[in-house]
């Protein structure tokens, strides 16, 4: 296996999954979003989105805060410093991998 392909094997697989990559990309640029915003932006089902959020929360990448707006339940999501650092590493690794690929 070439060094280029080996570097791809070291990429953060938790973030690399497409749905979680969408979630992390949104949270990376936003200070805070609510669950319904993420649901709309990602196009995922409630259950699927919840499952991916749980995995990101378990890894310490995001913070999930359940609160209320008046009497209506509200779930707020924020990227944690560890998640921000992991996403930046992921971006750097992916850029480096793409840079090393041979041109056509």
N, C-alpha and C. Protein backbone atom coordinates (compact mmCIF):
# COMPACT_ATOMS: atom_id res chain seq x y z
N UNK A 1 0.86 -1.18 0.00
CA UNK A 1 0.00 0.00 0.00
C UNK A 1 0.90 1.24 0.00
N UNK A 2 0.61 2.17 -0.86
CA UNK A 2 1.45 3.37 -0.94
C UNK A 2 1.24 4.26 0.28
N UNK A 3 2.19 5.14 0.51
CA UNK A 3 2.11 6.10 1.63
C UNK A 3 0.85 6.96 1.52
N UNK A 4 0.46 7.34 0.31
CA UNK A 4 -0.73 8.16 0.11
C UNK A 4 -1.98 7.44 0.59
N UNK A 5 -2.14 6.17 0.20
CA UNK A 5 -3.30 5.40 0.63
C UNK A 5 -3.26 5.13 2.12
N UNK A 6 -2.08 4.90 2.66
CA UNK A 6 -1.95 4.67 4.10
C UNK A 6 -2.42 5.89 4.89
N UNK A 7 -2.14 7.09 4.38
CA UNK A 7 -2.56 8.30 5.08
C UNK A 7 -4.09 8.40 5.12
N UNK A 8 -4.76 7.90 4.10
CA UNK A 8 -6.22 7.92 4.09
C UNK A 8 -6.79 6.97 5.15
N UNK A 9 -6.10 5.89 5.42
CA UNK A 9 -6.56 4.94 6.43
C UNK A 9 -6.52 5.54 7.84
N UNK A 10 -5.75 6.61 8.02
CA UNK A 10 -5.63 7.24 9.33
C UNK A 10 -6.65 8.35 9.56
N UNK A 11 -7.50 8.60 8.59
CA UNK A 11 -8.48 9.67 8.70
C UNK A 11 -9.53 9.32 9.77
N UNK A 12 -10.10 10.31 10.41
CA UNK A 12 -11.09 10.12 11.47
C UNK A 12 -12.37 9.54 10.86
N UNK A 13 -12.61 8.26 11.10
CA UNK A 13 -13.77 7.59 10.50
C UNK A 13 -15.08 8.04 11.12
N UNK A 14 -15.03 8.52 12.34
CA UNK A 14 -16.24 9.01 12.98
C UNK A 14 -16.77 10.23 12.21
N UNK A 15 -15.87 11.12 11.82
CA UNK A 15 -16.27 12.31 11.06
C UNK A 15 -16.50 11.98 9.59
N UNK A 16 -15.74 11.03 9.06
CA UNK A 16 -15.76 10.75 7.61
C UNK A 16 -17.10 10.22 7.12
N UNK A 17 -17.91 9.62 7.98
CA UNK A 17 -19.22 9.13 7.57
C UNK A 17 -20.04 10.31 7.07
N UNK A 18 -20.65 10.22 5.87
CA UNK A 18 -21.29 11.39 5.25
C UNK A 18 -22.27 12.18 6.12
N UNK A 19 -23.15 11.49 6.85
CA UNK A 19 -24.12 12.22 7.68
C UNK A 19 -23.42 13.00 8.79
N UNK A 20 -22.42 12.36 9.43
CA UNK A 20 -21.70 13.05 10.50
C UNK A 20 -20.81 14.17 9.94
N UNK A 21 -20.32 13.98 8.75
CA UNK A 21 -19.54 15.04 8.10
C UNK A 21 -20.43 16.26 7.85
N UNK A 22 -21.67 16.04 7.42
CA UNK A 22 -22.61 17.16 7.26
C UNK A 22 -22.85 17.86 8.59
N UNK A 23 -23.10 17.08 9.62
CA UNK A 23 -23.39 17.64 10.94
C UNK A 23 -22.20 18.46 11.43
N UNK A 24 -21.01 17.88 11.36
CA UNK A 24 -19.81 18.57 11.85
C UNK A 24 -19.51 19.82 11.02
N UNK A 25 -19.76 19.77 9.73
CA UNK A 25 -19.53 20.95 8.87
C UNK A 25 -20.44 22.10 9.27
N UNK A 26 -21.68 21.79 9.57
CA UNK A 26 -22.64 22.82 9.99
C UNK A 26 -22.24 23.38 11.36
N UNK A 27 -21.93 22.49 12.30
CA UNK A 27 -21.58 22.95 13.65
C UNK A 27 -20.25 23.68 13.69
N UNK A 28 -19.36 23.37 12.76
CA UNK A 28 -18.05 24.03 12.71
C UNK A 28 -18.20 25.53 12.44
N UNK A 29 -19.16 25.88 11.60
CA UNK A 29 -19.32 27.30 11.22
C UNK A 29 -20.39 28.03 12.02
N UNK A 30 -21.21 27.29 12.75
CA UNK A 30 -22.28 27.92 13.53
C UNK A 30 -21.94 27.86 15.02
N UNK A 31 -22.26 28.90 15.74
CA UNK A 31 -22.01 28.91 17.18
C UNK A 31 -22.89 27.88 17.88
N UNK A 32 -24.15 27.82 17.44
CA UNK A 32 -25.12 26.91 18.06
C UNK A 32 -26.28 26.74 17.09
N UNK A 33 -26.81 25.51 17.00
CA UNK A 33 -27.99 25.25 16.18
C UNK A 33 -28.95 24.40 16.98
N UNK A 34 -30.20 24.40 16.56
CA UNK A 34 -31.15 23.51 17.22
C UNK A 34 -31.38 22.27 16.37
N UNK A 35 -31.96 21.27 17.00
CA UNK A 35 -32.17 19.97 16.35
C UNK A 35 -32.97 20.11 15.07
N UNK A 36 -34.03 20.90 15.08
CA UNK A 36 -34.88 21.04 13.89
C UNK A 36 -34.14 21.68 12.73
N UNK A 37 -33.24 22.61 13.02
CA UNK A 37 -32.42 23.22 11.96
C UNK A 37 -31.55 22.14 11.32
N UNK A 38 -30.87 21.34 12.15
CA UNK A 38 -30.03 20.26 11.61
C UNK A 38 -30.86 19.24 10.84
N UNK A 39 -32.03 18.94 11.34
CA UNK A 39 -32.92 18.00 10.68
C UNK A 39 -33.25 18.49 9.27
N UNK A 40 -33.58 19.77 9.16
CA UNK A 40 -33.92 20.37 7.87
C UNK A 40 -32.70 20.43 6.95
N UNK A 41 -31.57 20.87 7.46
CA UNK A 41 -30.38 21.06 6.63
C UNK A 41 -29.77 19.75 6.14
N UNK A 42 -29.82 18.71 6.97
CA UNK A 42 -29.20 17.44 6.59
C UNK A 42 -30.13 16.54 5.79
N UNK A 43 -31.44 16.70 5.98
CA UNK A 43 -32.40 15.83 5.29
C UNK A 43 -32.48 14.44 5.89
N UNK A 44 -31.88 14.25 7.06
CA UNK A 44 -31.93 12.96 7.74
C UNK A 44 -33.26 12.79 8.47
N UNK A 45 -33.60 11.55 8.80
CA UNK A 45 -34.78 11.32 9.63
C UNK A 45 -34.43 11.66 11.07
N UNK A 46 -35.45 11.85 11.91
CA UNK A 46 -35.20 12.18 13.32
C UNK A 46 -34.36 11.11 14.00
N UNK A 47 -34.72 9.86 13.79
CA UNK A 47 -33.99 8.76 14.41
C UNK A 47 -32.55 8.66 13.94
N UNK A 48 -32.36 8.82 12.65
CA UNK A 48 -31.00 8.75 12.08
C UNK A 48 -30.15 9.89 12.60
N UNK A 49 -30.70 11.10 12.59
CA UNK A 49 -29.97 12.26 13.10
C UNK A 49 -29.63 12.06 14.57
N UNK A 50 -30.58 11.61 15.36
CA UNK A 50 -30.34 11.37 16.78
C UNK A 50 -29.21 10.37 17.01
N UNK A 51 -29.19 9.30 16.22
CA UNK A 51 -28.16 8.27 16.35
C UNK A 51 -26.77 8.85 16.05
N UNK A 52 -26.68 9.65 15.00
CA UNK A 52 -25.38 10.25 14.64
C UNK A 52 -24.95 11.28 15.69
N UNK A 53 -25.89 12.05 16.19
CA UNK A 53 -25.57 13.03 17.24
C UNK A 53 -25.06 12.33 18.49
N UNK A 54 -25.67 11.20 18.84
CA UNK A 54 -25.24 10.45 20.01
C UNK A 54 -23.79 9.98 19.88
N UNK A 55 -23.43 9.50 18.70
CA UNK A 55 -22.05 9.05 18.47
C UNK A 55 -21.07 10.21 18.59
N UNK A 56 -21.43 11.36 18.05
CA UNK A 56 -20.55 12.54 18.13
C UNK A 56 -20.44 13.03 19.57
N UNK A 57 -21.55 12.94 20.30
CA UNK A 57 -21.54 13.36 21.71
C UNK A 57 -20.68 12.40 22.54
N UNK A 58 -20.81 11.11 22.31
CA UNK A 58 -20.01 10.11 23.03
C UNK A 58 -18.52 10.33 22.83
N UNK A 59 -18.15 10.78 21.64
CA UNK A 59 -16.74 11.03 21.32
C UNK A 59 -16.25 12.35 21.92
N UNK A 60 -17.17 13.15 22.45
CA UNK A 60 -16.79 14.44 23.02
C UNK A 60 -16.66 15.53 21.97
N UNK A 61 -17.17 15.27 20.77
CA UNK A 61 -17.06 16.23 19.67
C UNK A 61 -18.12 17.32 19.74
N UNK A 62 -19.29 16.99 20.27
CA UNK A 62 -20.37 17.97 20.35
C UNK A 62 -21.00 17.96 21.75
N UNK A 63 -21.70 19.03 22.04
CA UNK A 63 -22.47 19.15 23.28
C UNK A 63 -23.94 19.22 22.90
N UNK A 64 -24.75 18.39 23.53
CA UNK A 64 -26.20 18.41 23.31
C UNK A 64 -26.84 18.91 24.59
N UNK A 65 -27.59 20.00 24.46
CA UNK A 65 -28.27 20.60 25.62
C UNK A 65 -29.77 20.56 25.39
N UNK A 66 -30.47 19.89 26.27
CA UNK A 66 -31.94 19.82 26.18
C UNK A 66 -32.51 20.85 27.13
N UNK A 67 -33.34 21.73 26.58
CA UNK A 67 -33.91 22.83 27.35
C UNK A 67 -35.33 23.09 26.84
N UNK A 68 -35.86 24.23 27.18
CA UNK A 68 -37.20 24.61 26.74
C UNK A 68 -37.19 26.04 26.24
N UNK A 69 -38.00 26.32 25.25
CA UNK A 69 -38.30 27.68 24.81
C UNK A 69 -39.76 27.88 25.18
N UNK A 70 -39.96 28.55 26.30
CA UNK A 70 -41.30 28.61 26.86
C UNK A 70 -41.63 27.22 27.38
N UNK A 71 -42.69 26.64 26.84
CA UNK A 71 -43.07 25.28 27.24
C UNK A 71 -42.71 24.24 26.18
N UNK A 72 -42.05 24.69 25.13
CA UNK A 72 -41.72 23.80 24.01
C UNK A 72 -40.30 23.24 24.20
N UNK A 73 -40.13 21.92 24.15
CA UNK A 73 -38.79 21.34 24.26
C UNK A 73 -37.87 21.85 23.14
N UNK A 74 -36.61 22.06 23.49
CA UNK A 74 -35.63 22.59 22.54
C UNK A 74 -34.31 21.87 22.76
N UNK A 75 -33.75 21.31 21.70
CA UNK A 75 -32.44 20.65 21.78
C UNK A 75 -31.44 21.51 21.03
N UNK A 76 -30.43 21.99 21.76
CA UNK A 76 -29.39 22.85 21.19
C UNK A 76 -28.10 22.05 21.06
N UNK A 77 -27.37 22.33 19.98
CA UNK A 77 -26.14 21.59 19.69
C UNK A 77 -25.00 22.56 19.43
N UNK A 78 -23.83 22.23 20.00
CA UNK A 78 -22.63 23.04 19.82
C UNK A 78 -21.43 22.11 19.63
N UNK A 79 -20.50 22.55 18.83
CA UNK A 79 -19.25 21.80 18.68
C UNK A 79 -18.37 22.10 19.89
N UNK A 80 -17.71 21.09 20.40
CA UNK A 80 -16.80 21.22 21.53
C UNK A 80 -15.39 21.50 21.01
N UNK A 81 -14.50 22.04 21.84
CA UNK A 81 -13.11 22.27 21.39
C UNK A 81 -12.46 21.01 20.83
N UNK A 82 -12.71 19.86 21.44
CA UNK A 82 -12.15 18.60 20.93
C UNK A 82 -12.71 18.27 19.54
N UNK A 83 -13.99 18.54 19.33
CA UNK A 83 -14.62 18.32 18.03
C UNK A 83 -14.09 19.28 16.98
N UNK A 84 -13.88 20.52 17.36
CA UNK A 84 -13.31 21.51 16.44
C UNK A 84 -11.91 21.09 16.01
N UNK A 85 -11.10 20.65 16.97
CA UNK A 85 -9.74 20.21 16.66
C UNK A 85 -9.76 18.97 15.77
N UNK A 86 -10.65 18.02 16.07
CA UNK A 86 -10.77 16.80 15.26
C UNK A 86 -11.20 17.13 13.84
N UNK A 87 -12.13 18.07 13.69
CA UNK A 87 -12.61 18.44 12.36
C UNK A 87 -11.49 19.14 11.58
N UNK A 88 -10.72 19.98 12.24
CA UNK A 88 -9.59 20.65 11.57
C UNK A 88 -8.53 19.64 11.14
N UNK A 89 -8.25 18.65 11.99
CA UNK A 89 -7.31 17.57 11.63
C UNK A 89 -7.85 16.79 10.43
N UNK A 90 -9.13 16.48 10.46
CA UNK A 90 -9.76 15.75 9.36
C UNK A 90 -9.61 16.52 8.04
N UNK A 91 -9.90 17.80 8.09
CA UNK A 91 -9.78 18.64 6.88
C UNK A 91 -8.35 18.65 6.37
N UNK A 92 -7.39 18.80 7.27
CA UNK A 92 -5.98 18.83 6.88
C UNK A 92 -5.56 17.49 6.26
N UNK A 93 -5.96 16.40 6.89
CA UNK A 93 -5.60 15.08 6.36
C UNK A 93 -6.21 14.85 4.98
N UNK A 94 -7.45 15.24 4.81
CA UNK A 94 -8.12 15.05 3.53
C UNK A 94 -7.48 15.92 2.45
N UNK A 95 -7.16 17.17 2.79
CA UNK A 95 -6.48 18.06 1.83
C UNK A 95 -5.14 17.48 1.42
N UNK A 96 -4.38 16.98 2.39
CA UNK A 96 -3.06 16.40 2.10
C UNK A 96 -3.19 15.17 1.22
N UNK A 97 -4.18 14.33 1.51
CA UNK A 97 -4.41 13.15 0.69
C UNK A 97 -4.71 13.56 -0.75
N UNK A 98 -5.60 14.52 -0.93
CA UNK A 98 -5.98 14.97 -2.27
C UNK A 98 -4.78 15.60 -3.00
N UNK A 99 -3.96 16.32 -2.26
CA UNK A 99 -2.78 16.95 -2.86
C UNK A 99 -1.79 15.91 -3.37
N UNK A 100 -1.70 14.78 -2.69
CA UNK A 100 -0.73 13.75 -3.05
C UNK A 100 -1.19 12.84 -4.20
N UNK A 101 -2.46 12.89 -4.52
CA UNK A 101 -2.94 12.05 -5.63
C UNK A 101 -2.28 12.49 -6.94
N UNK A 102 -1.94 11.54 -7.77
CA UNK A 102 -1.34 11.90 -9.06
C UNK A 102 -2.35 12.63 -9.95
N UNK A 103 -1.86 13.55 -10.70
CA UNK A 103 -2.71 14.26 -11.67
C UNK A 103 -3.04 13.29 -12.81
N UNK A 104 -4.09 13.59 -13.54
CA UNK A 104 -4.53 12.70 -14.64
C UNK A 104 -3.43 12.41 -15.61
